[in-house]
């Protein structure tokens, strides 16, 4: 059972850090495509312990830059739908993390109502995906314990 818990924790950590980086790089890539000439994606700023993207863009493209990173992250997660069942459940984990990571961007684009909606929808999806991952892990454990080799 300890091995299954460690497996779920490692999956969560790996996906969270990969999505955080994909989220920030997506801001930068979208900004570049929209004509921004200067910018940087910071993976970790030790002065405030956060990640962010710093852009110098002409006004008018902010909405696409804010929302685009969430769309790219969810599009990436959609690739998992086409895989086998245990791995398919990772889709919900990716969408949940993407909604949480994008909640501040959505607040800047649409107001704090969008922040709360995105954040809590992300939490619900994370809870659902954790349930799916844990039940799949439990099913495998029960199957192997009852199997006579």
Protein backbone atom coordinates (compact mmCIF):
# COMPACT_ATOMS: atom_id res chain seq x y z
CA UNK A 1 0.00 0.00 0.00
CA UNK A 2 2.90 2.38 0.74
CA UNK A 3 4.20 1.87 -2.76
CA UNK A 4 0.85 2.86 -4.28
CA UNK A 5 0.69 6.06 -2.22
CA UNK A 6 4.25 6.95 -3.23
CA UNK A 7 3.33 6.28 -6.86
CA UNK A 8 0.36 8.68 -6.68
CA UNK A 9 2.45 11.36 -4.92
CA UNK A 10 5.20 11.11 -7.55
CA UNK A 11 2.69 11.30 -10.40
CA UNK A 12 1.13 14.41 -8.85
CA UNK A 13 4.46 16.14 -8.25
CA UNK A 14 5.76 15.37 -11.73
CA UNK A 15 2.61 16.61 -13.45
CA UNK A 16 2.39 19.71 -11.26
CA UNK A 17 5.96 20.85 -11.97
CA UNK A 18 5.74 19.99 -15.67
CA UNK A 19 2.46 21.91 -16.01
CA UNK A 20 3.82 24.90 -14.10
CA UNK A 21 6.68 25.16 -16.56
CA UNK A 22 4.41 24.51 -19.58
CA UNK A 23 2.03 27.20 -18.30
CA UNK A 24 4.74 29.87 -18.11
CA UNK A 25 6.37 28.87 -21.40
CA UNK A 26 2.93 29.02 -23.05
CA UNK A 27 2.53 32.64 -21.96
CA UNK A 28 5.89 33.40 -23.52
CA UNK A 29 5.19 31.50 -26.75
CA UNK A 30 1.78 33.09 -27.26
CA UNK A 31 3.20 36.53 -26.56
CA UNK A 32 5.96 35.96 -29.11
CA UNK A 33 3.41 34.87 -31.73
CA UNK A 34 1.36 38.01 -31.03
CA UNK A 35 4.34 40.28 -31.66
CA UNK A 36 5.87 40.81 -28.25
CA UNK A 37 9.59 41.36 -28.64
CA UNK A 38 10.87 40.95 -25.08
CA UNK A 39 9.99 38.61 -22.27
CA UNK A 40 11.14 35.83 -20.01
CA UNK A 41 9.57 32.90 -18.18
CA UNK A 42 10.89 32.55 -14.65
CA UNK A 43 10.68 29.01 -13.25
CA UNK A 44 11.37 30.11 -9.66
CA UNK A 45 12.02 33.56 -8.29
CA UNK A 46 13.64 33.24 -4.86
CA UNK A 47 12.70 36.79 -3.87
CA UNK A 48 8.98 35.93 -3.78
CA UNK A 49 8.99 32.12 -4.22
CA UNK A 50 6.84 32.10 -7.32
CA UNK A 51 6.88 31.46 -11.03
CA UNK A 52 5.86 34.12 -13.51
CA UNK A 53 6.27 35.39 -17.04
CA UNK A 54 7.58 38.89 -17.62
CA UNK A 55 6.47 40.38 -20.95
CA UNK A 56 6.87 43.69 -22.73
CA UNK A 57 4.05 43.78 -25.24
CA UNK A 58 1.89 46.34 -26.98
CA UNK A 59 -1.53 46.66 -25.35
CA UNK A 60 -4.48 44.74 -26.69
CA UNK A 61 -3.28 41.12 -26.67
CA UNK A 62 -3.47 40.53 -22.94
CA UNK A 63 -6.62 38.39 -23.00
CA UNK A 64 -5.09 35.88 -25.41
CA UNK A 65 -1.90 35.72 -23.37
CA UNK A 66 -3.81 35.20 -20.10
CA UNK A 67 -6.20 32.54 -21.38
CA UNK A 68 -3.92 30.89 -23.95
CA UNK A 69 -1.67 29.17 -21.44
CA UNK A 70 -4.66 27.42 -19.89
CA UNK A 71 -5.89 26.32 -23.31
CA UNK A 72 -2.47 24.91 -24.23
CA UNK A 73 -2.19 23.04 -20.92
CA UNK A 74 -5.66 21.52 -21.30
CA UNK A 75 -4.91 20.63 -24.93
CA UNK A 76 -1.81 18.81 -23.72
CA UNK A 77 -3.89 16.98 -21.12
CA UNK A 78 -6.41 15.99 -23.78
CA UNK A 79 -3.78 13.74 -25.34
CA UNK A 80 -4.18 11.43 -22.34
CA UNK A 81 -7.81 10.71 -23.21
CA UNK A 82 -6.64 8.49 -26.06
CA UNK A 83 -4.55 6.21 -23.80
CA UNK A 84 -5.56 3.17 -21.76
CA UNK A 85 -7.82 3.55 -18.74
CA UNK A 86 -5.34 4.01 -15.87
CA UNK A 87 -3.37 6.61 -17.80
CA UNK A 88 -6.52 8.22 -19.18
CA UNK A 89 -7.39 9.30 -15.64
CA UNK A 90 -4.36 11.61 -15.69
CA UNK A 91 -6.40 13.87 -18.00
CA UNK A 92 -8.52 15.01 -15.04
CA UNK A 93 -5.40 15.63 -12.98
CA UNK A 94 -3.90 17.81 -15.72
CA UNK A 95 -7.12 19.79 -16.25
CA UNK A 96 -7.48 20.31 -12.49
CA UNK A 97 -3.93 21.57 -12.10
CA UNK A 98 -4.31 23.73 -15.24
CA UNK A 99 -7.43 25.42 -13.87
CA UNK A 100 -5.71 26.12 -10.55
CA UNK A 101 -2.53 27.41 -12.21
CA UNK A 102 -4.59 29.65 -14.51
CA UNK A 103 -6.89 31.03 -11.82
CA UNK A 104 -4.87 34.23 -11.28
CA UNK A 105 -4.58 34.77 -15.04
CA UNK A 106 -8.34 34.41 -15.37
CA UNK A 107 -8.82 36.89 -12.52
CA UNK A 108 -6.70 39.44 -14.40
CA UNK A 109 -8.67 38.81 -17.59
CA UNK A 110 -12.24 38.49 -16.26
CA UNK A 111 -12.30 39.47 -12.58
CA UNK A 112 -12.21 37.60 -9.31
CA UNK A 113 -15.37 35.62 -10.03
CA UNK A 114 -13.37 33.76 -12.68
CA UNK A 115 -10.61 33.17 -10.13
CA UNK A 116 -12.94 31.47 -7.68
CA UNK A 117 -14.73 29.47 -10.37
CA UNK A 118 -11.46 28.26 -11.89
CA UNK A 119 -9.80 27.53 -8.56
CA UNK A 120 -12.68 25.54 -7.09
CA UNK A 121 -13.42 23.71 -10.35
CA UNK A 122 -9.73 22.76 -10.40
CA UNK A 123 -9.93 21.50 -6.81
CA UNK A 124 -13.00 19.40 -7.65
CA UNK A 125 -11.28 17.88 -10.67
CA UNK A 126 -8.16 17.19 -8.60
CA UNK A 127 -10.23 15.42 -5.99
CA UNK A 128 -12.00 13.39 -8.66
CA UNK A 129 -8.73 12.46 -10.36
CA UNK A 130 -7.13 11.48 -7.04
CA UNK A 131 -10.12 9.22 -6.38
CA UNK A 132 -9.70 7.61 -9.81
CA UNK A 133 -5.95 7.14 -9.35
CA UNK A 134 -6.35 5.73 -5.85
CA UNK A 135 -9.18 3.37 -6.80
CA UNK A 136 -7.21 2.14 -9.80
CA UNK A 137 -4.21 1.56 -7.55
CA UNK A 138 -6.38 -0.24 -5.01
CA UNK A 139 -7.95 -2.42 -7.72
CA UNK A 140 -4.49 -3.52 -8.85
CA UNK A 141 -3.43 -4.28 -5.27
CA UNK A 142 -6.53 -6.40 -4.59
CA UNK A 143 -6.11 -8.18 -7.93
CA UNK A 144 -2.50 -9.13 -7.26
CA UNK A 145 -3.17 -10.19 -3.66
CA UNK A 146 -5.93 -12.58 -4.78
CA UNK A 147 -3.98 -13.95 -7.73
CA UNK A 148 -2.38 -17.37 -7.23
CA UNK A 149 0.96 -17.57 -8.98
